[in-house]
C-alpha atoms as a PDB file:
ATOM      1  CA  MET A   1       2.340  17.837  20.963  1.00  0.00           C
ATOM      2  CA  ALA A   2       4.453  16.572  18.287  1.00  0.00           C
ATOM      3  CA  LEU A   3       6.141  14.013  20.384  1.00  0.00           C
ATOM      4  CA  ALA A   4       2.634  12.580  21.260  1.00  0.00           C
ATOM      5  CA  TRP A   5       1.724  12.225  17.771  1.00  0.00           C
ATOM      6  CA  ILE A   6       5.014  10.814  16.858  1.00  0.00           C
ATOM      7  CA  GLU A   7       4.610   8.433  19.269  1.00  0.00           C
ATOM      8  CA  GLN A   8       1.087   7.292  18.273  1.00  0.00           C
ATOM      9  CA  LYS A   9       2.365   6.908  14.849  1.00  0.00           C
ATOM     10  CA  ARG A  10       5.413   4.656  16.089  1.00  0.00           C
ATOM     11  CA  ARG A  11       2.886   2.510  18.174  1.00  0.00           C
ATOM     12  CA  TYR A  12       0.510   2.206  15.113  1.00  0.00           C
ATOM     13  CA  ARG A  13       3.583   0.943  12.943  1.00  0.00           C
ATOM     14  CA  GLN A  14       4.339  -1.521  15.741  1.00  0.00           C
ATOM     15  CA  TYR A  15       0.729  -2.851  15.952  1.00  0.00           C
ATOM     16  CA  LYS A  16       0.409  -3.391  12.063  1.00  0.00           C
ATOM     17  CA  SER A  17       3.936  -5.290  12.050  1.00  0.00           C
ATOM     18  CA  ARG A  18       2.064  -7.299  14.635  1.00  0.00           C
ATOM     19  CA  THR A  19      -0.776  -7.770  12.512  1.00  0.00           C
ATOM     20  CA  LYS A  20       1.054  -8.890   9.507  1.00  0.00           C
ATOM     21  CA  GLN A  21       2.539 -11.859  11.600  1.00  0.00           C
ATOM     22  CA  LEU A  22      -0.865 -13.222  12.195  1.00  0.00           C
ATOM     23  CA  PRO A  23      -1.987 -16.309  10.343  1.00  0.00           C
ATOM     24  CA  ALA A  24      -4.213 -14.849   6.989  1.00  0.00           C
ATOM     25  CA  ASN A  25      -7.695 -15.362   8.489  1.00  0.00           C
ATOM     26  CA  TYR A  26      -6.791 -13.630  11.857  1.00  0.00           C
ATOM     27  CA  ARG A  27      -5.015 -10.904  10.077  1.00  0.00           C
ATOM     28  CA  THR A  28      -8.234 -10.710   7.708  1.00  0.00           C
ATOM     29  CA  ALA A  29     -10.598 -10.441  10.762  1.00  0.00           C
ATOM     30  CA  ILE A  30      -8.355  -7.834  12.464  1.00  0.00           C
ATOM     31  CA  ASP A  31      -8.154  -5.939   9.519  1.00  0.00           C
ATOM     32  CA  ALA A  32     -11.999  -5.497   9.245  1.00  0.00           C
ATOM     33  CA  LEU A  33     -12.295  -4.815  12.772  1.00  0.00           C
ATOM     34  CA  GLU A  34      -9.565  -1.840  12.192  1.00  0.00           C
ATOM     35  CA  ARG A  35     -11.586  -0.461   9.323  1.00  0.00           C
ATOM     36  CA  TYR A  36     -14.671  -0.468  11.267  1.00  0.00           C
ATOM     37  CA  LEU A  37     -12.984   1.268  14.261  1.00  0.00           C
ATOM     38  CA  MET A  38     -11.528   3.967  11.929  1.00  0.00           C
ATOM     39  CA  TYR A  39     -14.737   4.825  10.114  1.00  0.00           C
ATOM     40  CA  PHE A  40     -17.529   4.181  12.855  1.00  0.00           C
ATOM     41  CA  GLY A  41     -15.528   3.912  16.224  1.00  0.00           C
ATOM     42  CA  ALA A  42     -15.452   7.613  16.939  1.00  0.00           C
ATOM     43  CA  ILE A  43     -12.460   7.316  18.768  1.00  0.00           C
ATOM     44  CA  THR A  44     -10.884  11.028  18.971  1.00  0.00           C
ATOM     45  CA  LYS A  45      -8.032  10.482  20.916  1.00  0.00           C
ATOM     46  CA  GLY A  46      -4.884   8.878  19.068  1.00  0.00           C
ATOM     47  CA  ASP A  47      -3.598   7.202  22.171  1.00  0.00           C
ATOM     48  CA  THR A  48      -6.863   5.809  23.291  1.00  0.00           C
ATOM     49  CA  LEU A  49      -6.960   4.162  19.632  1.00  0.00           C
ATOM     50  CA  ALA A  50      -3.227   3.124  20.119  1.00  0.00           C
ATOM     51  CA  SER A  51      -4.095   1.265  23.044  1.00  0.00           C
ATOM     52  CA  MET A  52      -7.121  -0.285  21.996  1.00  0.00           C
ATOM     53  CA  LEU A  53      -5.384  -1.694  18.756  1.00  0.00           C
ATOM     54  CA  GLU A  54      -2.465  -2.929  20.617  1.00  0.00           C
ATOM     55  CA  ASP A  55      -5.272  -4.688  23.098  1.00  0.00           C
ATOM     56  CA  LEU A  56      -7.000  -6.091  19.876  1.00  0.00           C
ATOM     57  CA  VAL A  57      -3.578  -7.371  18.287  1.00  0.00           C
ATOM     58  CA  ASP A  58      -2.710  -9.124  21.747  1.00  0.00           C
ATOM     59  CA  LEU A  59      -6.121 -10.615  22.047  1.00  0.00           C
ATOM     60  CA  PHE A  60      -5.758 -12.022  18.449  1.00  0.00           C
ATOM     61  CA  GLU A  61      -2.098 -13.039  18.705  1.00  0.00           C
ATOM     62  CA  GLN A  62      -3.047 -15.328  21.691  1.00  0.00           C
ATOM     63  CA  ALA A  63      -5.984 -16.754  20.021  1.00  0.00           C
ATOM     64  CA  ALA A  64      -4.038 -17.620  17.057  1.00  0.00           C
ATOM     65  CA  ALA A  65      -1.626 -19.309  19.229  1.00  0.00           C
ATOM     66  CA  ASP A  66      -4.167 -21.198  20.964  1.00  0.00           C
ATOM     67  CA  GLY A  67      -6.232 -21.958  17.738  1.00  0.00           C
ATOM     68  CA  THR A  68      -9.118 -20.395  18.797  1.00  0.00           C
ATOM     69  CA  PRO A  69     -11.573 -19.725  16.255  1.00  0.00           C
ATOM     70  CA  ILE A  70     -12.576 -16.280  15.112  1.00  0.00           C
ATOM     71  CA  ARG A  71     -16.322 -16.428  16.053  1.00  0.00           C
ATOM     72  CA  GLU A  72     -14.979 -17.707  19.588  1.00  0.00           C
ATOM     73  CA  ILE A  73     -13.223 -14.262  19.874  1.00  0.00           C
ATOM     74  CA  VAL A  74     -15.816 -11.782  18.192  1.00  0.00           C
ATOM     75  CA  GLY A  75     -18.869 -13.667  18.771  1.00  0.00           C
ATOM     76  CA  GLU A  76     -22.032 -14.082  16.502  1.00  0.00           C
ATOM     77  CA  ASP A  77     -22.071 -10.263  16.007  1.00  0.00           C
ATOM     78  CA  PRO A  78     -18.795  -8.679  15.238  1.00  0.00           C
ATOM     79  CA  VAL A  79     -20.408  -5.161  15.331  1.00  0.00           C
ATOM     80  CA  GLU A  80     -21.491  -5.909  18.593  1.00  0.00           C
ATOM     81  CA  PHE A  81     -18.022  -6.779  19.488  1.00  0.00           C
ATOM     82  CA  VAL A  82     -16.391  -3.809  18.404  1.00  0.00           C
ATOM     83  CA  GLU A  83     -19.119  -1.587  20.121  1.00  0.00           C
ATOM     84  CA  ALA A  84     -18.363  -3.257  23.239  1.00  0.00           C
ATOM     85  CA  LEU A  85     -14.588  -2.964  22.837  1.00  0.00           C
ATOM     86  CA  VAL A  86     -15.101   0.723  22.178  1.00  0.00           C
ATOM     87  CA  GLN A  87     -17.240   1.310  25.128  1.00  0.00           C
ATOM     88  CA  ASN A  88     -14.377   0.037  27.045  1.00  0.00           C
ATOM     89  CA  TYR A  89     -12.189   2.518  25.854  1.00  0.00           C
ATOM     90  CA  GLU A  90     -14.143   5.972  25.456  1.00  0.00           C
ATOM     91  CA  LYS A  91     -15.368   6.561  28.902  1.00  0.00           C
ATOM     92  CA  GLY A  92     -15.870  10.117  29.024  1.00  0.00           C
ATOM     93  CA  GLY A  93     -15.518  10.362  25.124  1.00  0.00           C
ATOM     94  CA  TYR A  94     -18.098  12.694  23.027  1.00  0.00           C
ATOM     95  CA  VAL A  95     -20.065   9.766  21.976  1.00  0.00           C
ATOM     96  CA  THR A  96     -20.557   8.145  25.214  1.00  0.00           C
ATOM     97  CA  ARG A  97     -21.138  11.765  26.571  1.00  0.00           C
ATOM     98  CA  GLU A  98     -23.946  12.113  24.071  1.00  0.00           C
ATOM     99  CA  ARG A  99     -25.725   8.767  24.588  1.00  0.00           C
ATOM    100  CA  GLU A 100     -25.738   9.600  28.290  1.00  0.00           C
ATOM    101  CA  ARG A 101     -27.389  12.813  27.578  1.00  0.00           C
ATOM    102  CA  LEU A 102     -29.757  11.526  25.273  1.00  0.00           C
ATOM    103  CA  THR A 103     -30.924   8.846  27.623  1.00  0.00           C
ATOM    104  CA  LYS A 104     -31.070  11.462  30.379  1.00  0.00           C
ATOM    105  CA  ALA A 105     -33.410  13.851  28.257  1.00  0.00           C
ATOM    106  CA  ILE A 106     -35.565  11.091  27.462  1.00  0.00           C
ATOM    107  CA  ASP A 107     -35.953   9.581  30.929  1.00  0.00           C
ATOM    108  CA  GLY A 108     -36.813  13.221  31.952  1.00  0.00           C
ATOM    109  CA  VAL A 109     -39.474  13.979  29.650  1.00  0.00           C
ATOM    110  CA  ALA A 110     -40.875  10.442  29.762  1.00  0.00           C
ATOM    111  CA  GLY A 111     -41.088  10.549  33.630  1.00  0.00           C
ATOM    112  CA  ASN A 112     -38.224   8.005  34.432  1.00  0.00           C
ATOM    113  CA  ALA A 113     -36.016  10.782  35.993  1.00  0.00           C
ATOM    114  CA  PRO A 114     -33.967   9.738  39.165  1.00  0.00           C
END
């Protein structure tokens, strides 16, 4: 267990090191996305969060190299971007399970159950 935690911490430090290399506007954007994820992402597994952040910095590094505007990365609604990102990583996570449970319960009482 301790080794997994140490590995996650190492990966996070590498991620932070990579974000510091980004141009200022990309760094500000990724920092804002990370903050949102930490507070509202409901990611409960450290390795899942590390993978998500690594993929996010990959995306931003490539976008910076290509000169892609930030709005082309995150779209008009950054919250929607982050929520879609979380959905890609938290399959089976408690938030996803509760969303599905809520939908099934309402469908059942509304007569929409399969």
